[in-house]
Amino acid sequence: MEKKENKPKEQDGLGAAIDRCQGKNAKKKDLDILAKELDANPRALALLGDLTDRNIAQMAEGFNNPGFAVILEKYVPQLKKDLGYELAPMIEKLSIDGVAISWLRWQQIEYKYTWQNRQGLSLNQAAYWDKSLSAAHARYLKALESLAKIRKLARHDPALQVNIATQGGQQVNVAGDLVRADPGKPPENPQIIDANTP
């Protein structure tokens, strides 16, 4: 019979270090080992430190429907991709994560509210669910607004404003975003401004 080799705790690896650091009774020595393991493996730190996927998985489990969890496991990454996650700078990625989480929270509350409503709700219960739903929806809209602001601030194209003085002292102001066009193609929506036209 072979003897099982007992490794010291320092050599157990990242997974074992994480396991030992769960809960309130984690020992300082184990926390130090975990910190060293993470310093030695920055890729693992990036994956473990990003709680978005964990939060989404826990929220998916909150539907109490394993099928939904599988669907959301596939859908949420597609939602993030559709929002431009892959090519986005880090600050925008964080905002897209916020949109995905707030969307899922809103949908989860909507689902639970609908289910509870089918069972019959008292006025107090209906008010609770209505407040929860309104708060989740407002948080989702705020996340979308934040993403739009970040995208607007992150644009490197300056805003373009043209002021044209006409005869008689009237001024025409045209403002918008500067769009880089292909010099070989005419603009798709040409707007011709003629100062001589009233």
C-alpha atoms as a PDB file:
ATOM      1  CA  MET A   1       0.000   0.000   0.000  1.00  0.00           C
ATOM      2  CA  GLU A   2       1.341   3.414  -1.003  1.00  0.00           C
ATOM      3  CA  LYS A   3       1.767   6.127   1.523  1.00  0.00           C
ATOM      4  CA  LYS A   4      -0.167   9.290   0.802  1.00  0.00           C
ATOM      5  CA  GLU A   5       2.101  12.312   0.654  1.00  0.00           C
ATOM      6  CA  ASN A   6       0.976  15.060   2.963  1.00  0.00           C
ATOM      7  CA  LYS A   7       1.718  18.448   1.490  1.00  0.00           C
ATOM      8  CA  PRO A   8       2.160  21.391   3.786  1.00  0.00           C
ATOM      9  CA  LYS A   9      -0.689  23.899   3.593  1.00  0.00           C
ATOM     10  CA  GLU A  10       1.569  26.368   1.772  1.00  0.00           C
ATOM     11  CA  GLN A  11       1.725  23.975  -1.221  1.00  0.00           C
ATOM     12  CA  ASP A  12      -1.951  23.137  -1.528  1.00  0.00           C
ATOM     13  CA  GLY A  13      -2.586  25.696  -4.233  1.00  0.00           C
ATOM     14  CA  LEU A  14      -5.042  28.473  -4.774  1.00  0.00           C
ATOM     15  CA  GLY A  15      -8.224  26.381  -4.616  1.00  0.00           C
ATOM     16  CA  ALA A  16      -7.366  24.895  -1.242  1.00  0.00           C
ATOM     17  CA  ALA A  17      -6.318  28.308   0.098  1.00  0.00           C
ATOM     18  CA  ILE A  18      -9.664  29.773  -0.953  1.00  0.00           C
ATOM     19  CA  ASP A  19     -11.526  26.874   0.666  1.00  0.00           C
ATOM     20  CA  ARG A  20      -9.719  27.392   3.979  1.00  0.00           C
ATOM     21  CA  CYS A  21     -10.490  31.125   3.949  1.00  0.00           C
ATOM     22  CA  GLN A  22     -14.265  30.724   3.719  1.00  0.00           C
ATOM     23  CA  GLY A  23     -16.348  31.862   6.644  1.00  0.00           C
ATOM     24  CA  LYS A  24     -15.715  33.762   9.844  1.00  0.00           C
ATOM     25  CA  ASN A  25     -13.151  31.318  11.227  1.00  0.00           C
ATOM     26  CA  ALA A  26     -10.469  31.889   8.575  1.00  0.00           C
ATOM     27  CA  LYS A  27      -7.010  31.924  10.118  1.00  0.00           C
ATOM     28  CA  LYS A  28      -4.506  34.723   9.514  1.00  0.00           C
ATOM     29  CA  LYS A  29      -1.933  32.205   8.264  1.00  0.00           C
ATOM     30  CA  ASP A  30      -4.374  30.888   5.637  1.00  0.00           C
ATOM     31  CA  LEU A  31      -5.301  34.435   4.578  1.00  0.00           C
ATOM     32  CA  ASP A  32      -1.592  35.222   4.117  1.00  0.00           C
ATOM     33  CA  ILE A  33      -1.162  32.084   1.995  1.00  0.00           C
ATOM     34  CA  LEU A  34      -4.173  33.127  -0.104  1.00  0.00           C
ATOM     35  CA  ALA A  35      -2.675  36.590  -0.613  1.00  0.00           C
ATOM     36  CA  LYS A  36       0.635  35.043  -1.772  1.00  0.00           C
ATOM     37  CA  GLU A  37      -1.162  32.670  -4.148  1.00  0.00           C
ATOM     38  CA  LEU A  38      -3.082  35.579  -5.679  1.00  0.00           C
ATOM     39  CA  ASP A  39       0.113  37.666  -6.022  1.00  0.00           C
ATOM     40  CA  ALA A  40       1.672  34.760  -7.894  1.00  0.00           C
ATOM     41  CA  ASN A  41      -1.330  34.372 -10.192  1.00  0.00           C
ATOM     42  CA  PRO A  42      -2.711  37.745 -11.399  1.00  0.00           C
ATOM     43  CA  ARG A  43      -4.986  36.052 -13.942  1.00  0.00           C
ATOM     44  CA  ALA A  44      -6.735  34.142 -11.159  1.00  0.00           C
ATOM     45  CA  LEU A  45      -6.999  37.374  -9.181  1.00  0.00           C
ATOM     46  CA  ALA A  46      -8.730  39.060 -12.129  1.00  0.00           C
ATOM     47  CA  LEU A  47     -11.194  36.171 -12.475  1.00  0.00           C
ATOM     48  CA  LEU A  48     -11.881  35.750  -8.767  1.00  0.00           C
ATOM     49  CA  GLY A  49     -12.027  39.460  -8.037  1.00  0.00           C
ATOM     50  CA  ASP A  50     -14.699  40.073 -10.663  1.00  0.00           C
ATOM     51  CA  LEU A  51     -17.851  39.255  -8.719  1.00  0.00           C
ATOM     52  CA  THR A  52     -20.217  40.014 -11.588  1.00  0.00           C
ATOM     53  CA  ASP A  53     -20.430  36.426 -12.814  1.00  0.00           C
ATOM     54  CA  ARG A  54     -20.903  35.117  -9.263  1.00  0.00           C
ATOM     55  CA  ASN A  55     -23.650  37.652  -8.590  1.00  0.00           C
ATOM     56  CA  ILE A  56     -25.388  36.768 -11.841  1.00  0.00           C
ATOM     57  CA  ALA A  57     -25.176  33.036 -11.050  1.00  0.00           C
ATOM     58  CA  GLN A  58     -26.650  33.570  -7.574  1.00  0.00           C
ATOM     59  CA  MET A  59     -29.427  35.735  -8.985  1.00  0.00           C
ATOM     60  CA  ALA A  60     -30.178  33.083 -11.631  1.00  0.00           C
ATOM     61  CA  GLU A  61     -30.499  30.509  -8.845  1.00  0.00           C
ATOM     62  CA  GLY A  62     -33.023  32.865  -7.204  1.00  0.00           C
ATOM     63  CA  PHE A  63     -35.529  32.017  -9.923  1.00  0.00           C
ATOM     64  CA  ASN A  64     -35.716  28.490  -8.401  1.00  0.00           C
ATOM     65  CA  ASN A  65     -35.743  27.088 -11.915  1.00  0.00           C
ATOM     66  CA  PRO A  66     -32.587  25.270 -13.059  1.00  0.00           C
ATOM     67  CA  GLY A  67     -33.609  25.760 -16.677  1.00  0.00           C
ATOM     68  CA  PHE A  68     -33.612  29.537 -16.218  1.00  0.00           C
ATOM     69  CA  ALA A  69     -30.139  29.354 -14.720  1.00  0.00           C
ATOM     70  CA  VAL A  70     -28.855  27.624 -17.868  1.00  0.00           C
ATOM     71  CA  ILE A  71     -30.674  30.072 -20.148  1.00  0.00           C
ATOM     72  CA  LEU A  72     -29.325  33.078 -18.255  1.00  0.00           C
ATOM     73  CA  GLU A  73     -25.823  31.586 -18.240  1.00  0.00           C
ATOM     74  CA  LYS A  74     -26.003  31.787 -22.038  1.00  0.00           C
ATOM     75  CA  TYR A  75     -28.092  34.958 -22.406  1.00  0.00           C
ATOM     76  CA  VAL A  76     -26.331  37.399 -20.080  1.00  0.00           C
ATOM     77  CA  PRO A  77     -22.928  37.095 -21.831  1.00  0.00           C
ATOM     78  CA  GLN A  78     -24.736  37.678 -25.138  1.00  0.00           C
ATOM     79  CA  LEU A  79     -26.460  40.737 -23.660  1.00  0.00           C
ATOM     80  CA  LYS A  80     -23.083  42.098 -22.549  1.00  0.00           C
ATOM     81  CA  LYS A  81     -21.609  41.368 -25.983  1.00  0.00           C
ATOM     82  CA  ASP A  82     -24.502  43.211 -27.647  1.00  0.00           C
ATOM     83  CA  LEU A  83     -23.728  46.205 -25.422  1.00  0.00           C
ATOM     84  CA  GLY A  84     -20.147  46.220 -26.756  1.00  0.00           C
ATOM     85  CA  TYR A  85     -18.403  44.580 -23.802  1.00  0.00           C
ATOM     86  CA  GLU A  86     -15.606  42.921 -25.763  1.00  0.00           C
ATOM     87  CA  LEU A  87     -14.182  46.115 -27.258  1.00  0.00           C
ATOM     88  CA  ALA A  88     -15.064  48.478 -24.423  1.00  0.00           C
ATOM     89  CA  PRO A  89     -12.476  50.142 -22.167  1.00  0.00           C
ATOM     90  CA  MET A  90     -12.437  48.911 -18.561  1.00  0.00           C
ATOM     91  CA  ILE A  91     -14.599  51.726 -17.155  1.00  0.00           C
ATOM     92  CA  GLU A  92     -17.254  50.989 -19.758  1.00  0.00           C
ATOM     93  CA  LYS A  93     -17.049  47.242 -19.021  1.00  0.00           C
ATOM     94  CA  LEU A  94     -17.799  47.938 -15.374  1.00  0.00           C
ATOM     95  CA  SER A  95     -20.820  49.986 -16.415  1.00  0.00           C
ATOM     96  CA  ILE A  96     -22.026  47.242 -18.781  1.00  0.00           C
ATOM     97  CA  ASP A  97     -21.724  44.774 -15.888  1.00  0.00           C
ATOM     98  CA  GLY A  98     -23.923  47.133 -13.853  1.00  0.00           C
ATOM     99  CA  VAL A  99     -26.514  47.216 -16.642  1.00  0.00           C
ATOM    100  CA  ALA A 100     -26.546  43.410 -16.886  1.00  0.00           C
ATOM    101  CA  ILE A 101     -26.912  42.916 -13.131  1.00  0.00           C
ATOM    102  CA  SER A 102     -29.594  45.577 -12.730  1.00  0.00           C
ATOM    103  CA  TRP A 103     -31.486  44.173 -15.725  1.00  0.00           C
ATOM    104  CA  LEU A 104     -31.387  40.686 -14.218  1.00  0.00           C
ATOM    105  CA  ARG A 105     -32.470  41.983 -10.786  1.00  0.00           C
ATOM    106  CA  TRP A 106     -35.396  43.828 -12.391  1.00  0.00           C
ATOM    107  CA  GLN A 107     -36.429  40.706 -14.319  1.00  0.00           C
ATOM    108  CA  GLN A 108     -36.082  38.530 -11.220  1.00  0.00           C
ATOM    109  CA  ILE A 109     -38.360  40.795  -9.182  1.00  0.00           C
ATOM    110  CA  GLU A 110     -40.830  41.013 -12.074  1.00  0.00           C
ATOM    111  CA  TYR A 111     -40.879  37.206 -12.277  1.00  0.00           C
ATOM    112  CA  LYS A 112     -41.388  36.746  -8.527  1.00  0.00           C
ATOM    113  CA  TYR A 113     -44.032  39.472  -8.386  1.00  0.00           C
ATOM    114  CA  THR A 114     -45.973  37.871 -11.232  1.00  0.00           C
ATOM    115  CA  TRP A 115     -45.741  34.465  -9.571  1.00  0.00           C
ATOM    116  CA  GLN A 116     -46.802  35.832  -6.183  1.00  0.00           C
ATOM    117  CA  ASN A 117     -49.661  37.737  -7.791  1.00  0.00           C
ATOM    118  CA  ARG A 118     -51.034  34.508  -9.249  1.00  0.00           C
ATOM    119  CA  GLN A 119     -51.126  33.060  -5.724  1.00  0.00           C
ATOM    120  CA  GLY A 120     -53.012  36.093  -4.422  1.00  0.00           C
ATOM    121  CA  LEU A 121     -51.525  38.997  -2.533  1.00  0.00           C
ATOM    122  CA  SER A 122     -52.711  41.130   0.346  1.00  0.00           C
ATOM    123  CA  LEU A 123     -52.604  44.900  -0.131  1.00  0.00           C
ATOM    124  CA  ASN A 124     -49.416  45.125   1.962  1.00  0.00           C
ATOM    125  CA  GLN A 125     -47.728  42.365  -0.037  1.00  0.00           C
ATOM    126  CA  ALA A 126     -48.756  43.965  -3.333  1.00  0.00           C
ATOM    127  CA  ALA A 127     -47.377  47.316  -2.140  1.00  0.00           C
ATOM    128  CA  TYR A 128     -44.086  45.637  -1.149  1.00  0.00           C
ATOM    129  CA  TRP A 129     -43.684  43.987  -4.542  1.00  0.00           C
ATOM    130  CA  ASP A 130     -44.696  47.142  -6.377  1.00  0.00           C
ATOM    131  CA  LYS A 131     -42.070  49.178  -4.486  1.00  0.00           C
ATOM    132  CA  SER A 132     -39.428  46.524  -5.115  1.00  0.00           C
ATOM    133  CA  LEU A 133     -40.272  46.444  -8.797  1.00  0.00           C
ATOM    134  CA  SER A 134     -40.211  50.235  -9.114  1.00  0.00           C
ATOM    135  CA  ALA A 135     -36.860  50.433  -7.313  1.00  0.00           C
ATOM    136  CA  ALA A 136     -35.318  47.705  -9.497  1.00  0.00           C
ATOM    137  CA  HIS A 137     -36.582  49.359 -12.662  1.00  0.00           C
ATOM    138  CA  ALA A 138     -35.247  52.748 -11.558  1.00  0.00           C
ATOM    139  CA  ARG A 139     -31.852  51.170 -10.799  1.00  0.00           C
ATOM    140  CA  TYR A 140     -31.817  49.585 -14.271  1.00  0.00           C
ATOM    141  CA  LEU A 141     -32.630  52.901 -15.956  1.00  0.00           C
ATOM    142  CA  LYS A 142     -29.923  54.620 -13.878  1.00  0.00           C
ATOM    143  CA  ALA A 143     -27.397  51.983 -14.984  1.00  0.00           C
ATOM    144  CA  LEU A 144     -28.323  52.587 -18.628  1.00  0.00           C
ATOM    145  CA  GLU A 145     -28.023  56.339 -18.114  1.00  0.00           C
ATOM    146  CA  SER A 146     -24.582  55.911 -16.526  1.00  0.00           C
ATOM    147  CA  LEU A 147     -23.426  53.745 -19.430  1.00  0.00           C
ATOM    148  CA  ALA A 148     -24.610  56.369 -21.918  1.00  0.00           C
ATOM    149  CA  LYS A 149     -22.788  59.128 -20.008  1.00  0.00           C
ATOM    150  CA  ILE A 150     -19.572  57.116 -19.831  1.00  0.00           C
ATOM    151  CA  ARG A 151     -19.740  56.414 -23.555  1.00  0.00           C
ATOM    152  CA  LYS A 152     -20.352  60.059 -24.326  1.00  0.00           C
ATOM    153  CA  LEU A 153     -17.431  61.163 -22.141  1.00  0.00           C
ATOM    154  CA  ALA A 154     -15.146  58.469 -23.553  1.00  0.00           C
ATOM    155  CA  ARG A 155     -15.640  59.570 -27.152  1.00  0.00           C
ATOM    156  CA  HIS A 156     -12.565  61.127 -28.608  1.00  0.00           C
ATOM    157  CA  ASP A 157     -14.433  63.010 -31.309  1.00  0.00           C
ATOM    158  CA  PRO A 158     -14.957  66.647 -30.455  1.00  0.00           C
ATOM    159  CA  ALA A 159     -18.405  68.150 -30.759  1.00  0.00           C
ATOM    160  CA  LEU A 160     -18.751  70.371 -33.786  1.00  0.00           C
ATOM    161  CA  GLN A 161     -20.618  73.658 -33.742  1.00  0.00           C
ATOM    162  CA  VAL A 162     -20.910  75.987 -36.697  1.00  0.00           C
ATOM    163  CA  ASN A 163     -22.250  79.519 -36.388  1.00  0.00           C
ATOM    164  CA  ILE A 164     -23.223  81.186 -39.643  1.00  0.00           C
ATOM    165  CA  ALA A 165     -24.156  84.832 -39.805  1.00  0.00           C
ATOM    166  CA  THR A 166     -26.711  85.704 -42.455  1.00  0.00           C
ATOM    167  CA  GLN A 167     -27.578  89.023 -44.012  1.00  0.00           C
ATOM    168  CA  GLY A 168     -29.725  91.085 -41.730  1.00  0.00           C
ATOM    169  CA  GLY A 169     -27.893  89.975 -38.600  1.00  0.00           C
ATOM    170  CA  GLN A 170     -29.644  86.610 -38.168  1.00  0.00           C
ATOM    171  CA  GLN A 171     -27.464  83.755 -36.990  1.00  0.00           C
ATOM    172  CA  VAL A 172     -27.847  80.058 -37.838  1.00  0.00           C
ATOM    173  CA  ASN A 173     -26.372  77.610 -35.316  1.00  0.00           C
ATOM    174  CA  VAL A 174     -25.703  74.015 -36.301  1.00  0.00           C
ATOM    175  CA  ALA A 175     -24.353  71.648 -33.620  1.00  0.00           C
ATOM    176  CA  GLY A 176     -23.670  67.958 -33.501  1.00  0.00           C
ATOM    177  CA  ASP A 177     -21.057  65.294 -33.180  1.00  0.00           C
ATOM    178  CA  LEU A 178     -18.160  65.302 -35.565  1.00  0.00           C
ATOM    179  CA  VAL A 179     -18.320  62.135 -37.623  1.00  0.00           C
ATOM    180  CA  ARG A 180     -15.356  60.889 -39.575  1.00  0.00           C
ATOM    181  CA  ALA A 181     -16.633  60.066 -43.037  1.00  0.00           C
ATOM    182  CA  ASP A 182     -15.002  58.093 -45.796  1.00  0.00           C
ATOM    183  CA  PRO A 183     -13.591  60.776 -48.108  1.00  0.00           C
ATOM    184  CA  GLY A 184     -14.440  58.687 -51.165  1.00  0.00           C
ATOM    185  CA  LYS A 185     -18.149  58.461 -50.353  1.00  0.00           C
ATOM    186  CA  PRO A 186     -20.751  61.205 -50.156  1.00  0.00           C
ATOM    187  CA  PRO A 187     -22.411  61.576 -46.736  1.00  0.00           C
ATOM    188  CA  GLU A 188     -25.495  59.421 -46.178  1.00  0.00           C
ATOM    189  CA  ASN A 189     -27.590  62.332 -44.882  1.00  0.00           C
ATOM    190  CA  PRO A 190     -26.161  65.482 -46.441  1.00  0.00           C
ATOM    191  CA  GLN A 191     -27.470  68.691 -44.980  1.00  0.00           C
ATOM    192  CA  ILE A 192     -26.668  71.706 -47.091  1.00  0.00           C
ATOM    193  CA  ILE A 193     -26.817  74.994 -45.322  1.00  0.00           C
ATOM    194  CA  ASP A 194     -26.982  77.954 -47.596  1.00  0.00           C
ATOM    195  CA  ALA A 195     -26.554  81.287 -45.855  1.00  0.00           C
ATOM    196  CA  ASN A 196     -28.358  83.012 -48.713  1.00  0.00           C
ATOM    197  CA  THR A 197     -31.527  80.953 -48.300  1.00  0.00           C
ATOM    198  CA  PRO A 198     -34.016  82.558 -45.896  1.00  0.00           C
END
